[in-house]
Amino acid sequence: QVQLVESGGGLVQAGGSLRLSCAPSGRTLTAYPMAWFRQAPGKEREFVATIRSNGGTTYYADSVKGRFTISRDNAKNTVYLQMNSLKTEDTAIYYCAAGPIWYTSTYYKESRYDYWGQGTQVTVSS
């Protein structure tokens, strides 16, 4: 059974930065596309960013483009989400998700991902 474990969440002031990490336990997922989603209080979970297995292609939600960067280190079997210029509206639980297939047009759909983490809380204060 694969489990994804997120870390790096916390409380930060608006304009600050955080880096989230996600590592699977139970197996290696270096061949899988990986993604980050988030769910704010009272809202549905939404897509944030995704990265192809080789790290060569990434897609972002418009709301985070230019501020967030997704990356992966397959040698460490870890995916990262660097979040800069954080805004109060970025406050949410952030979830890591894994593949198994790379989609070029529907990567933002939750159903495209088989494995999910438990989430890590990110709170941005004004």
N, C-alpha and C. Protein backbone atom coordinates (compact mmCIF):
# COMPACT_ATOMS: atom_id res chain seq x y z
N GLN A 1 0.83 -1.18 0.00
CA GLN A 1 0.00 0.00 0.00
C GLN A 1 0.88 1.25 0.00
N VAL A 2 0.65 2.12 -0.95
CA VAL A 2 1.45 3.33 -1.05
C VAL A 2 0.83 4.42 -0.20
N GLN A 3 1.67 5.09 0.56
CA GLN A 3 1.23 6.26 1.31
C GLN A 3 2.11 7.44 0.93
N LEU A 4 1.49 8.58 0.72
CA LEU A 4 2.23 9.81 0.46
C LEU A 4 2.23 10.63 1.74
N VAL A 5 3.41 11.12 2.09
CA VAL A 5 3.55 11.87 3.34
C VAL A 5 4.03 13.28 3.01
N GLU A 6 3.19 14.25 3.33
CA GLU A 6 3.54 15.65 3.11
C GLU A 6 4.16 16.24 4.38
N SER A 7 5.01 17.23 4.18
CA SER A 7 5.59 17.96 5.30
C SER A 7 5.92 19.38 4.84
N GLY A 8 6.20 20.24 5.81
CA GLY A 8 6.63 21.60 5.48
C GLY A 8 5.57 22.67 5.65
N GLY A 9 4.35 22.28 5.98
CA GLY A 9 3.31 23.27 6.18
C GLY A 9 3.55 24.06 7.47
N GLY A 10 2.77 25.12 7.64
CA GLY A 10 2.90 25.92 8.85
C GLY A 10 2.23 27.27 8.70
N LEU A 11 2.58 28.16 9.62
CA LEU A 11 2.02 29.51 9.64
C LEU A 11 3.07 30.49 9.12
N VAL A 12 2.67 31.33 8.19
CA VAL A 12 3.59 32.31 7.61
C VAL A 12 2.83 33.59 7.34
N GLN A 13 3.54 34.70 7.38
CA GLN A 13 2.91 35.98 7.07
C GLN A 13 2.78 36.17 5.56
N ALA A 14 1.81 36.96 5.19
CA ALA A 14 1.64 37.27 3.77
C ALA A 14 2.93 37.85 3.20
N GLY A 15 3.28 37.39 2.01
CA GLY A 15 4.52 37.79 1.38
C GLY A 15 5.67 36.85 1.65
N GLY A 16 5.47 35.95 2.59
CA GLY A 16 6.52 35.01 2.96
C GLY A 16 6.55 33.79 2.05
N SER A 17 7.40 32.82 2.43
CA SER A 17 7.60 31.62 1.62
C SER A 17 7.55 30.36 2.49
N LEU A 18 7.17 29.28 1.85
CA LEU A 18 7.21 27.95 2.46
C LEU A 18 7.58 26.96 1.38
N ARG A 19 8.19 25.85 1.78
CA ARG A 19 8.44 24.76 0.84
C ARG A 19 7.84 23.49 1.40
N LEU A 20 6.93 22.93 0.64
CA LEU A 20 6.32 21.66 1.00
C LEU A 20 7.09 20.51 0.36
N SER A 21 7.10 19.38 1.05
CA SER A 21 7.73 18.17 0.52
C SER A 21 6.73 17.04 0.56
N CYS A 22 6.92 16.10 -0.33
CA CYS A 22 6.05 14.92 -0.39
C CYS A 22 6.91 13.72 -0.75
N ALA A 23 6.84 12.70 0.07
CA ALA A 23 7.61 11.48 -0.20
C ALA A 23 6.71 10.28 -0.01
N PRO A 24 6.74 9.32 -0.92
CA PRO A 24 5.93 8.12 -0.76
C PRO A 24 6.63 7.09 0.12
N SER A 25 5.84 6.33 0.81
CA SER A 25 6.38 5.19 1.55
C SER A 25 5.73 3.94 0.98
N GLY A 26 6.46 2.88 0.96
CA GLY A 26 5.91 1.64 0.45
C GLY A 26 6.38 1.28 -0.94
N ARG A 27 6.68 2.28 -1.75
CA ARG A 27 7.22 2.01 -3.08
C ARG A 27 7.78 3.29 -3.68
N THR A 28 8.51 3.11 -4.75
CA THR A 28 9.05 4.27 -5.45
C THR A 28 8.07 4.72 -6.52
N LEU A 29 7.87 6.03 -6.60
CA LEU A 29 6.92 6.57 -7.58
C LEU A 29 7.61 7.49 -8.58
N THR A 30 8.86 7.21 -8.86
CA THR A 30 9.61 8.08 -9.76
C THR A 30 9.06 8.06 -11.18
N ALA A 31 8.32 7.03 -11.55
CA ALA A 31 7.75 6.95 -12.89
C ALA A 31 6.38 7.60 -12.97
N TYR A 32 5.88 8.10 -11.87
CA TYR A 32 4.54 8.67 -11.81
C TYR A 32 4.56 10.18 -11.93
N PRO A 33 3.60 10.75 -12.63
CA PRO A 33 3.38 12.19 -12.50
C PRO A 33 2.95 12.48 -11.07
N MET A 34 3.34 13.64 -10.57
CA MET A 34 2.98 14.03 -9.22
C MET A 34 2.28 15.39 -9.27
N ALA A 35 1.46 15.63 -8.26
CA ALA A 35 0.71 16.88 -8.26
C ALA A 35 0.46 17.37 -6.85
N TRP A 36 0.14 18.62 -6.76
CA TRP A 36 -0.33 19.22 -5.51
C TRP A 36 -1.74 19.78 -5.75
N PHE A 37 -2.60 19.52 -4.78
CA PHE A 37 -3.94 20.10 -4.73
C PHE A 37 -4.06 20.81 -3.39
N ARG A 38 -5.11 21.61 -3.24
CA ARG A 38 -5.35 22.27 -1.96
C ARG A 38 -6.85 22.42 -1.73
N GLN A 39 -7.20 22.50 -0.46
CA GLN A 39 -8.59 22.71 -0.10
C GLN A 39 -8.68 23.75 0.99
N ALA A 40 -9.30 24.86 0.66
CA ALA A 40 -9.50 25.94 1.62
C ALA A 40 -10.78 25.68 2.41
N PRO A 41 -10.91 26.28 3.57
CA PRO A 41 -12.11 26.07 4.39
C PRO A 41 -13.38 26.43 3.62
N GLY A 42 -14.32 25.50 3.61
CA GLY A 42 -15.59 25.76 2.95
C GLY A 42 -15.58 25.67 1.44
N LYS A 43 -14.45 25.25 0.89
CA LYS A 43 -14.33 25.17 -0.58
C LYS A 43 -13.97 23.76 -1.01
N GLU A 44 -14.16 23.49 -2.30
CA GLU A 44 -13.78 22.20 -2.84
C GLU A 44 -12.26 22.16 -3.06
N ARG A 45 -11.76 20.94 -3.09
CA ARG A 45 -10.34 20.78 -3.37
C ARG A 45 -10.05 21.21 -4.81
N GLU A 46 -8.93 21.89 -4.98
CA GLU A 46 -8.58 22.40 -6.31
C GLU A 46 -7.15 22.08 -6.66
N PHE A 47 -6.91 22.00 -7.96
CA PHE A 47 -5.59 21.72 -8.50
C PHE A 47 -4.66 22.90 -8.27
N VAL A 48 -3.39 22.60 -7.96
CA VAL A 48 -2.38 23.64 -7.80
C VAL A 48 -1.28 23.52 -8.86
N ALA A 49 -0.67 22.34 -8.93
CA ALA A 49 0.45 22.16 -9.86
C ALA A 49 0.69 20.67 -10.10
N THR A 50 1.31 20.36 -11.25
CA THR A 50 1.67 18.99 -11.54
C THR A 50 3.00 18.96 -12.26
N ILE A 51 3.69 17.81 -12.16
CA ILE A 51 4.99 17.66 -12.78
C ILE A 51 5.10 16.26 -13.37
N ARG A 52 5.66 16.19 -14.56
CA ARG A 52 5.83 14.91 -15.22
C ARG A 52 6.90 14.08 -14.52
N SER A 53 6.93 12.79 -14.79
CA SER A 53 7.84 11.90 -14.07
C SER A 53 9.30 12.29 -14.23
N ASN A 54 9.67 12.78 -15.41
CA ASN A 54 11.07 13.17 -15.62
C ASN A 54 11.34 14.63 -15.23
N GLY A 55 10.32 15.30 -14.73
CA GLY A 55 10.47 16.68 -14.32
C GLY A 55 10.51 17.68 -15.44
N GLY A 56 10.34 17.21 -16.67
CA GLY A 56 10.52 18.09 -17.81
C GLY A 56 9.35 18.99 -18.14
N THR A 57 8.17 18.67 -17.64
CA THR A 57 6.98 19.46 -17.94
C THR A 57 6.20 19.71 -16.66
N THR A 58 5.74 20.94 -16.51
CA THR A 58 4.93 21.32 -15.35
C THR A 58 3.74 22.15 -15.80
N TYR A 59 2.67 22.05 -15.03
CA TYR A 59 1.50 22.89 -15.25
C TYR A 59 1.07 23.48 -13.91
N TYR A 60 0.51 24.68 -13.97
CA TYR A 60 0.10 25.37 -12.76
C TYR A 60 -1.30 25.94 -12.90
N ALA A 61 -1.98 26.06 -11.77
CA ALA A 61 -3.22 26.81 -11.75
C ALA A 61 -2.88 28.29 -11.95
N ASP A 62 -3.78 29.01 -12.59
CA ASP A 62 -3.53 30.43 -12.85
C ASP A 62 -3.31 31.21 -11.56
N SER A 63 -3.96 30.79 -10.49
CA SER A 63 -3.89 31.52 -9.23
C SER A 63 -2.51 31.46 -8.57
N VAL A 64 -1.68 30.49 -8.97
CA VAL A 64 -0.36 30.35 -8.34
C VAL A 64 0.79 30.54 -9.33
N LYS A 65 0.47 30.68 -10.60
CA LYS A 65 1.49 30.80 -11.63
C LYS A 65 2.38 32.00 -11.35
N GLY A 66 3.68 31.79 -11.40
CA GLY A 66 4.64 32.86 -11.14
C GLY A 66 5.03 32.98 -9.69
N ARG A 67 4.28 32.32 -8.80
CA ARG A 67 4.60 32.38 -7.37
C ARG A 67 5.03 31.02 -6.82
N PHE A 68 4.44 29.95 -7.34
CA PHE A 68 4.74 28.60 -6.87
C PHE A 68 5.57 27.86 -7.91
N THR A 69 6.43 26.96 -7.42
CA THR A 69 7.23 26.13 -8.31
C THR A 69 7.19 24.69 -7.82
N ILE A 70 6.78 23.78 -8.69
CA ILE A 70 6.81 22.36 -8.36
C ILE A 70 8.09 21.77 -8.95
N SER A 71 8.71 20.88 -8.19
CA SER A 71 9.92 20.23 -8.66
C SER A 71 9.99 18.84 -8.04
N ARG A 72 10.91 18.04 -8.55
CA ARG A 72 11.07 16.70 -7.97
C ARG A 72 12.53 16.30 -8.03
N ASP A 73 12.89 15.48 -7.06
CA ASP A 73 14.23 14.89 -7.01
C ASP A 73 14.01 13.39 -6.97
N ASN A 74 14.12 12.76 -8.12
CA ASN A 74 13.83 11.33 -8.19
C ASN A 74 14.86 10.49 -7.44
N ALA A 75 16.04 11.01 -7.28
CA ALA A 75 17.04 10.28 -6.49
C ALA A 75 16.62 10.17 -5.03
N LYS A 76 15.86 11.17 -4.58
CA LYS A 76 15.35 11.17 -3.21
C LYS A 76 13.88 10.75 -3.14
N ASN A 77 13.31 10.46 -4.32
CA ASN A 77 11.90 10.04 -4.35
C ASN A 77 10.99 11.07 -3.68
N THR A 78 11.26 12.34 -3.95
CA THR A 78 10.56 13.42 -3.26
C THR A 78 10.12 14.49 -4.26
N VAL A 79 8.95 15.03 -3.99
CA VAL A 79 8.41 16.14 -4.78
C VAL A 79 8.28 17.36 -3.87
N TYR A 80 8.51 18.52 -4.43
CA TYR A 80 8.48 19.75 -3.66
C TYR A 80 7.49 20.75 -4.25
N LEU A 81 7.02 21.64 -3.39
CA LEU A 81 6.25 22.79 -3.86
C LEU A 81 6.82 24.01 -3.14
N GLN A 82 7.56 24.81 -3.88
CA GLN A 82 8.10 26.06 -3.34
C GLN A 82 7.04 27.13 -3.53
N MET A 83 6.65 27.74 -2.42
CA MET A 83 5.58 28.74 -2.46
C MET A 83 6.15 30.09 -2.02
N ASN A 84 6.18 31.03 -2.91
CA ASN A 84 6.68 32.38 -2.62
C ASN A 84 5.55 33.39 -2.73
N SER A 85 5.79 34.57 -2.19
CA SER A 85 4.80 35.67 -2.24
C SER A 85 3.42 35.17 -1.81
N LEU A 86 3.39 34.48 -0.70
CA LEU A 86 2.15 33.88 -0.25
C LEU A 86 1.10 34.94 0.10
N LYS A 87 -0.15 34.59 -0.19
CA LYS A 87 -1.28 35.46 0.07
C LYS A 87 -2.22 34.78 1.06
N THR A 88 -3.05 35.56 1.71
CA THR A 88 -3.98 34.97 2.68
C THR A 88 -4.89 33.95 2.00
N GLU A 89 -5.19 34.18 0.74
CA GLU A 89 -6.07 33.24 0.02
C GLU A 89 -5.38 31.92 -0.33
N ASP A 90 -4.09 31.81 -0.05
CA ASP A 90 -3.39 30.53 -0.22
C ASP A 90 -3.59 29.62 0.98
N THR A 91 -4.22 30.12 2.03
CA THR A 91 -4.48 29.32 3.21
C THR A 91 -5.35 28.12 2.85
N ALA A 92 -4.86 26.92 3.17
CA ALA A 92 -5.56 25.69 2.78
C ALA A 92 -4.80 24.50 3.33
N ILE A 93 -5.43 23.35 3.22
CA ILE A 93 -4.71 22.10 3.41
C ILE A 93 -4.18 21.70 2.04
N TYR A 94 -2.90 21.40 1.98
CA TYR A 94 -2.25 21.04 0.72
C TYR A 94 -2.03 19.54 0.67
N TYR A 95 -2.46 18.94 -0.44
CA TYR A 95 -2.38 17.51 -0.63
C TYR A 95 -1.44 17.16 -1.77
N CYS A 96 -0.67 16.13 -1.57
CA CYS A 96 0.19 15.57 -2.61
C CYS A 96 -0.56 14.41 -3.26
N ALA A 97 -0.40 14.25 -4.57
CA ALA A 97 -1.06 13.17 -5.29
C ALA A 97 -0.09 12.58 -6.31
N ALA A 98 -0.32 11.30 -6.65
CA ALA A 98 0.55 10.61 -7.60
C ALA A 98 -0.23 9.91 -8.69
N GLY A 99 0.23 9.98 -9.88
CA GLY A 99 -0.12 9.42 -11.17
C GLY A 99 -1.29 8.49 -11.30
N PRO A 100 -1.24 7.47 -12.21
CA PRO A 100 -0.04 6.93 -12.82
C PRO A 100 0.28 7.39 -14.25
N ILE A 101 -0.67 8.11 -14.86
CA ILE A 101 -0.51 8.46 -16.27
C ILE A 101 -0.41 9.97 -16.42
N TRP A 102 0.42 10.41 -17.33
CA TRP A 102 0.56 11.84 -17.60
C TRP A 102 -0.51 12.27 -18.60
N TYR A 103 -1.30 13.26 -18.22
CA TYR A 103 -2.34 13.81 -19.09
C TYR A 103 -1.96 15.24 -19.44
N THR A 104 -2.08 15.56 -20.70
CA THR A 104 -1.71 16.91 -21.12
C THR A 104 -2.87 17.89 -21.07
N SER A 105 -4.09 17.39 -20.92
CA SER A 105 -5.22 18.31 -20.92
C SER A 105 -6.12 18.18 -19.70
N THR A 106 -6.10 17.06 -19.01
CA THR A 106 -7.00 16.87 -17.87
C THR A 106 -6.22 16.59 -16.59
N TYR A 107 -5.02 17.08 -16.52
CA TYR A 107 -4.15 16.87 -15.36
C TYR A 107 -4.72 17.48 -14.09
N TYR A 108 -5.66 18.39 -14.21
CA TYR A 108 -6.20 19.10 -13.07
C TYR A 108 -7.33 18.33 -12.35
N LYS A 109 -7.72 17.22 -12.93
CA LYS A 109 -8.81 16.43 -12.35
C LYS A 109 -8.28 15.47 -11.29
N GLU A 110 -8.96 15.44 -10.15
CA GLU A 110 -8.56 14.57 -9.05
C GLU A 110 -8.57 13.10 -9.46
N SER A 111 -9.48 12.75 -10.33
CA SER A 111 -9.62 11.35 -10.75
C SER A 111 -8.41 10.83 -11.51
N ARG A 112 -7.52 11.71 -11.95
CA ARG A 112 -6.32 11.30 -12.68
C ARG A 112 -5.23 10.76 -11.75
N TYR A 113 -5.44 10.85 -10.46
CA TYR A 113 -4.40 10.48 -9.50
C TYR A 113 -4.90 9.36 -8.59
N ASP A 114 -4.05 8.35 -8.44
CA ASP A 114 -4.43 7.16 -7.68
C ASP A 114 -4.09 7.25 -6.20
N TYR A 115 -3.02 7.95 -5.88
CA TYR A 115 -2.53 7.97 -4.51
C TYR A 115 -2.55 9.39 -3.95
N TRP A 116 -2.93 9.49 -2.68
CA TRP A 116 -3.07 10.80 -2.04
C TRP A 116 -2.45 10.77 -0.65
N GLY A 117 -1.94 11.93 -0.24
CA GLY A 117 -1.46 12.08 1.13
C GLY A 117 -2.57 12.57 2.04
N GLN A 118 -2.25 12.72 3.30
CA GLN A 118 -3.23 13.17 4.30
C GLN A 118 -3.33 14.69 4.35
N GLY A 119 -2.38 15.36 3.76
CA GLY A 119 -2.44 16.81 3.71
C GLY A 119 -1.60 17.49 4.78
N THR A 120 -1.19 18.70 4.47
CA THR A 120 -0.45 19.53 5.43
C THR A 120 -1.05 20.93 5.40
N GLN A 121 -1.24 21.49 6.59
CA GLN A 121 -1.92 22.79 6.70
C GLN A 121 -0.94 23.93 6.41
N VAL A 122 -1.39 24.84 5.56
CA VAL A 122 -0.66 26.08 5.29
C VAL A 122 -1.59 27.22 5.66
N THR A 123 -1.12 28.06 6.57
CA THR A 123 -1.91 29.21 7.00
C THR A 123 -1.10 30.48 6.74
N VAL A 124 -1.69 31.40 6.00
CA VAL A 124 -1.03 32.66 5.68
C VAL A 124 -1.78 33.78 6.39
N SER A 125 -1.09 34.48 7.27
CA SER A 125 -1.72 35.55 8.04
C SER A 125 -1.44 36.91 7.40
N SER A 126 -2.35 37.83 7.63
CA SER A 126 -2.20 39.18 7.04
C SER A 126 -1.36 40.08 7.91
